[in-house]
N, C-alpha and C. Protein backbone atom coordinates (compact mmCIF):
# COMPACT_ATOMS: atom_id res chain seq x y z
N MET A 1 -27.28 -55.90 21.71
CA MET A 1 -27.49 -54.79 22.62
C MET A 1 -27.79 -55.35 24.00
N SER A 2 -27.09 -54.86 25.01
CA SER A 2 -27.30 -55.34 26.37
C SER A 2 -28.33 -54.49 27.09
N SER A 3 -28.77 -54.96 28.25
CA SER A 3 -29.75 -54.22 29.03
C SER A 3 -29.16 -52.93 29.58
N ARG A 4 -27.86 -52.81 29.59
CA ARG A 4 -27.19 -51.60 30.06
C ARG A 4 -27.09 -50.54 28.98
N THR A 5 -27.29 -50.93 27.73
CA THR A 5 -27.16 -49.99 26.63
C THR A 5 -28.13 -48.83 26.82
N CYS A 6 -27.64 -47.63 26.60
CA CYS A 6 -28.47 -46.44 26.76
C CYS A 6 -29.61 -46.47 25.75
N PRO A 7 -30.83 -46.20 26.21
CA PRO A 7 -31.97 -46.20 25.28
C PRO A 7 -31.90 -45.07 24.25
N ASP A 8 -31.05 -44.10 24.47
CA ASP A 8 -30.87 -43.00 23.50
C ASP A 8 -29.78 -43.31 22.49
N TRP A 9 -29.40 -44.59 22.35
CA TRP A 9 -28.28 -44.94 21.48
C TRP A 9 -28.43 -44.45 20.04
N PRO A 10 -29.63 -44.40 19.45
CA PRO A 10 -29.69 -43.88 18.07
C PRO A 10 -29.21 -42.41 17.98
N GLU A 11 -29.64 -41.59 18.93
CA GLU A 11 -29.21 -40.19 18.96
C GLU A 11 -27.71 -40.08 19.25
N LEU A 12 -27.24 -40.89 20.18
CA LEU A 12 -25.82 -40.85 20.53
C LEU A 12 -24.93 -41.33 19.38
N THR A 13 -25.43 -42.26 18.58
CA THR A 13 -24.69 -42.74 17.42
C THR A 13 -24.51 -41.62 16.39
N GLU A 14 -25.48 -40.74 16.30
CA GLU A 14 -25.36 -39.61 15.38
C GLU A 14 -24.33 -38.59 15.89
N ILE A 15 -24.27 -38.42 17.20
CA ILE A 15 -23.33 -37.46 17.79
C ILE A 15 -21.91 -38.01 17.81
N ALA A 16 -21.77 -39.26 18.24
CA ALA A 16 -20.45 -39.88 18.40
C ALA A 16 -20.52 -41.35 17.98
N PRO A 17 -20.43 -41.63 16.68
CA PRO A 17 -20.62 -43.00 16.19
C PRO A 17 -19.62 -44.02 16.71
N ASP A 18 -18.45 -43.59 17.16
CA ASP A 18 -17.43 -44.54 17.62
C ASP A 18 -17.57 -44.92 19.09
N LEU A 19 -18.51 -44.30 19.80
CA LEU A 19 -18.66 -44.56 21.22
C LEU A 19 -19.85 -45.47 21.50
N GLN A 20 -19.78 -46.20 22.60
CA GLN A 20 -20.87 -47.06 23.03
C GLN A 20 -21.23 -46.71 24.47
N PHE A 21 -22.42 -46.16 24.65
CA PHE A 21 -22.85 -45.69 25.96
C PHE A 21 -23.69 -46.74 26.67
N LYS A 22 -23.32 -46.98 27.93
CA LYS A 22 -24.06 -47.90 28.79
C LYS A 22 -24.27 -47.25 30.14
N HIS A 23 -25.22 -47.79 30.90
CA HIS A 23 -25.52 -47.27 32.23
C HIS A 23 -24.77 -48.09 33.28
N TYR A 24 -24.16 -47.37 34.21
CA TYR A 24 -23.35 -48.00 35.26
C TYR A 24 -23.65 -47.37 36.61
N THR A 25 -23.31 -48.11 37.66
CA THR A 25 -23.32 -47.52 38.99
C THR A 25 -22.01 -46.74 39.12
N VAL A 26 -21.94 -45.88 40.09
CA VAL A 26 -20.72 -45.11 40.34
C VAL A 26 -19.57 -46.06 40.65
N ALA A 27 -19.84 -47.09 41.43
CA ALA A 27 -18.79 -48.05 41.79
C ALA A 27 -18.27 -48.80 40.57
N GLU A 28 -19.14 -49.23 39.70
CA GLU A 28 -18.72 -49.96 38.49
C GLU A 28 -17.89 -49.10 37.55
N ALA A 29 -18.20 -47.83 37.49
CA ALA A 29 -17.54 -46.93 36.54
C ALA A 29 -16.10 -46.64 36.91
N ARG A 30 -15.73 -46.86 38.17
CA ARG A 30 -14.36 -46.60 38.62
C ARG A 30 -13.90 -45.21 38.20
N LEU A 31 -14.65 -44.25 38.66
CA LEU A 31 -14.40 -42.85 38.32
C LEU A 31 -13.10 -42.34 38.95
N PRO A 32 -12.55 -41.26 38.43
CA PRO A 32 -11.32 -40.71 39.00
C PRO A 32 -11.49 -40.35 40.47
N ALA A 33 -10.43 -40.52 41.22
CA ALA A 33 -10.47 -40.26 42.67
C ALA A 33 -10.92 -38.84 42.97
N ASP A 34 -10.46 -37.86 42.18
CA ASP A 34 -10.85 -36.49 42.48
C ASP A 34 -12.34 -36.25 42.29
N SER A 35 -12.98 -37.00 41.40
CA SER A 35 -14.44 -36.86 41.27
C SER A 35 -15.15 -37.55 42.42
N LEU A 36 -14.61 -38.67 42.89
CA LEU A 36 -15.23 -39.37 44.02
C LEU A 36 -15.18 -38.53 45.28
N VAL A 37 -14.10 -37.79 45.47
CA VAL A 37 -13.98 -36.90 46.63
C VAL A 37 -15.09 -35.86 46.58
N GLN A 38 -15.35 -35.32 45.39
CA GLN A 38 -16.41 -34.32 45.24
C GLN A 38 -17.80 -34.91 45.51
N LEU A 39 -17.95 -36.21 45.26
CA LEU A 39 -19.26 -36.84 45.46
C LEU A 39 -19.55 -37.11 46.93
N GLY A 40 -18.53 -37.13 47.74
CA GLY A 40 -18.74 -37.32 49.18
C GLY A 40 -19.44 -38.62 49.50
N ASP A 41 -20.62 -38.52 50.12
CA ASP A 41 -21.34 -39.72 50.55
C ASP A 41 -22.39 -40.17 49.52
N PHE A 42 -22.20 -39.85 48.26
CA PHE A 42 -23.09 -40.28 47.19
C PHE A 42 -23.15 -41.81 47.20
N PRO A 43 -24.34 -42.41 47.03
CA PRO A 43 -24.45 -43.88 47.06
C PRO A 43 -23.73 -44.53 45.87
N MET A 44 -22.65 -45.23 46.14
CA MET A 44 -21.82 -45.83 45.10
C MET A 44 -22.56 -46.91 44.30
N GLY A 45 -23.62 -47.47 44.89
CA GLY A 45 -24.39 -48.51 44.20
C GLY A 45 -25.50 -47.96 43.33
N ALA A 46 -25.64 -46.65 43.28
CA ALA A 46 -26.71 -46.04 42.49
C ALA A 46 -26.32 -46.02 41.01
N VAL A 47 -27.26 -46.41 40.15
CA VAL A 47 -27.03 -46.28 38.72
C VAL A 47 -27.12 -44.80 38.41
N ALA A 48 -25.98 -44.23 38.14
CA ALA A 48 -25.93 -42.77 38.08
C ALA A 48 -25.14 -42.21 36.92
N ILE A 49 -24.61 -43.10 36.07
CA ILE A 49 -23.80 -42.58 34.97
C ILE A 49 -24.07 -43.36 33.69
N CYS A 50 -24.16 -42.62 32.62
CA CYS A 50 -24.29 -43.18 31.28
C CYS A 50 -23.00 -42.78 30.57
N ALA A 51 -22.20 -43.76 30.17
CA ALA A 51 -20.87 -43.42 29.67
C ALA A 51 -20.29 -44.48 28.76
N ASP A 52 -19.27 -44.06 28.03
CA ASP A 52 -18.35 -44.96 27.36
C ASP A 52 -17.12 -44.94 28.25
N LEU A 53 -16.95 -45.98 29.05
CA LEU A 53 -15.87 -46.00 30.04
C LEU A 53 -14.49 -46.05 29.40
N ASP A 54 -14.37 -46.67 28.23
CA ASP A 54 -13.07 -46.77 27.58
C ASP A 54 -12.55 -45.43 27.10
N LYS A 55 -13.45 -44.54 26.72
CA LYS A 55 -13.05 -43.24 26.17
C LYS A 55 -13.20 -42.10 27.17
N ASN A 56 -13.73 -42.39 28.38
CA ASN A 56 -13.95 -41.37 29.42
C ASN A 56 -14.89 -40.28 28.94
N VAL A 57 -16.02 -40.70 28.39
CA VAL A 57 -17.03 -39.78 27.88
C VAL A 57 -18.36 -40.14 28.53
N PHE A 58 -19.07 -39.13 29.06
CA PHE A 58 -20.37 -39.38 29.68
C PHE A 58 -21.46 -38.61 28.94
N TYR A 59 -22.68 -39.08 29.12
CA TYR A 59 -23.87 -38.47 28.52
C TYR A 59 -24.63 -37.80 29.65
N ALA A 60 -24.56 -36.48 29.72
CA ALA A 60 -25.12 -35.73 30.85
C ALA A 60 -26.62 -35.95 31.02
N THR A 61 -27.34 -36.15 29.94
CA THR A 61 -28.80 -36.33 30.02
C THR A 61 -29.18 -37.52 30.89
N HIS A 62 -28.37 -38.57 30.89
CA HIS A 62 -28.66 -39.77 31.67
C HIS A 62 -27.67 -39.97 32.82
N THR A 63 -26.97 -38.92 33.20
CA THR A 63 -26.02 -39.00 34.31
C THR A 63 -26.53 -38.09 35.42
N ASP A 64 -26.47 -38.59 36.64
CA ASP A 64 -26.88 -37.79 37.79
C ASP A 64 -26.14 -36.45 37.74
N PRO A 65 -26.85 -35.33 37.94
CA PRO A 65 -26.21 -34.01 37.85
C PRO A 65 -25.00 -33.84 38.76
N GLN A 66 -25.05 -34.43 39.93
CA GLN A 66 -23.92 -34.33 40.86
C GLN A 66 -22.71 -35.07 40.31
N VAL A 67 -22.94 -36.22 39.70
CA VAL A 67 -21.85 -37.00 39.10
C VAL A 67 -21.29 -36.25 37.89
N ALA A 68 -22.17 -35.72 37.06
CA ALA A 68 -21.75 -34.98 35.87
C ALA A 68 -20.87 -33.78 36.27
N GLU A 69 -21.29 -33.06 37.27
CA GLU A 69 -20.51 -31.89 37.71
C GLU A 69 -19.13 -32.31 38.22
N ALA A 70 -19.07 -33.40 38.95
CA ALA A 70 -17.78 -33.89 39.45
C ALA A 70 -16.89 -34.32 38.29
N LEU A 71 -17.46 -34.94 37.26
CA LEU A 71 -16.66 -35.38 36.11
C LEU A 71 -16.15 -34.22 35.27
N ARG A 72 -16.88 -33.14 35.23
CA ARG A 72 -16.45 -31.97 34.45
C ARG A 72 -15.14 -31.39 34.97
N GLU A 73 -14.82 -31.68 36.22
CA GLU A 73 -13.58 -31.19 36.82
C GLU A 73 -12.42 -32.15 36.61
N THR A 74 -12.61 -33.18 35.78
CA THR A 74 -11.57 -34.19 35.55
C THR A 74 -11.23 -34.24 34.06
N HIS A 75 -10.57 -35.30 33.65
CA HIS A 75 -10.21 -35.50 32.24
C HIS A 75 -11.36 -36.09 31.42
N TRP A 76 -12.51 -36.28 32.02
CA TRP A 76 -13.68 -36.81 31.31
C TRP A 76 -14.34 -35.72 30.48
N TYR A 77 -15.02 -36.14 29.41
CA TYR A 77 -15.75 -35.23 28.53
C TYR A 77 -17.23 -35.57 28.52
N GLU A 78 -18.07 -34.58 28.41
CA GLU A 78 -19.49 -34.80 28.08
C GLU A 78 -19.51 -35.06 26.59
N VAL A 79 -20.41 -35.91 26.12
CA VAL A 79 -20.38 -36.35 24.72
C VAL A 79 -20.43 -35.20 23.72
N ARG A 80 -21.19 -34.18 23.99
CA ARG A 80 -21.25 -33.06 23.04
C ARG A 80 -19.94 -32.28 22.98
N GLU A 81 -19.30 -32.15 24.14
CA GLU A 81 -17.99 -31.51 24.19
C GLU A 81 -16.96 -32.38 23.47
N TRP A 82 -17.00 -33.68 23.73
CA TRP A 82 -16.07 -34.62 23.10
C TRP A 82 -16.15 -34.56 21.59
N SER A 83 -17.37 -34.47 21.06
CA SER A 83 -17.53 -34.51 19.61
C SER A 83 -17.35 -33.14 18.93
N SER A 84 -17.38 -32.07 19.70
CA SER A 84 -17.24 -30.75 19.08
C SER A 84 -15.85 -30.12 19.29
N THR A 85 -15.32 -30.19 20.50
CA THR A 85 -14.02 -29.56 20.77
C THR A 85 -13.01 -30.52 21.38
N GLY A 86 -13.44 -31.72 21.72
CA GLY A 86 -12.55 -32.71 22.33
C GLY A 86 -11.95 -33.65 21.30
N PRO A 87 -11.46 -34.79 21.76
CA PRO A 87 -10.79 -35.76 20.87
C PRO A 87 -11.69 -36.27 19.73
N GLY A 88 -12.99 -36.28 19.93
CA GLY A 88 -13.90 -36.76 18.90
C GLY A 88 -14.15 -35.79 17.78
N ALA A 89 -13.71 -34.55 17.92
CA ALA A 89 -13.95 -33.54 16.89
C ALA A 89 -13.26 -33.89 15.58
N SER A 90 -12.15 -34.58 15.66
CA SER A 90 -11.43 -34.95 14.45
C SER A 90 -11.90 -36.26 13.86
N ALA A 91 -12.77 -36.95 14.57
CA ALA A 91 -13.25 -38.25 14.08
C ALA A 91 -14.31 -38.09 13.00
């Protein structure tokens, strides 16, 4: 387990066992351009997102609300949505 691993990993493993959530800055996450436009002058170096970057799934509880709202307008899923009605529902 790395220092970036979300401290809520036991709960997240129950919701989405195939995903691995870590904390990232906005710049590290390489978010979709349309979400970055919505963020405007948000500090790109701020640790603001908890996500599985490979699957485009974020954990809203540990993601800055402004970042979460911008991601909801893209192809990204919040973990509960991913596991209930998104691609993770069949897993």
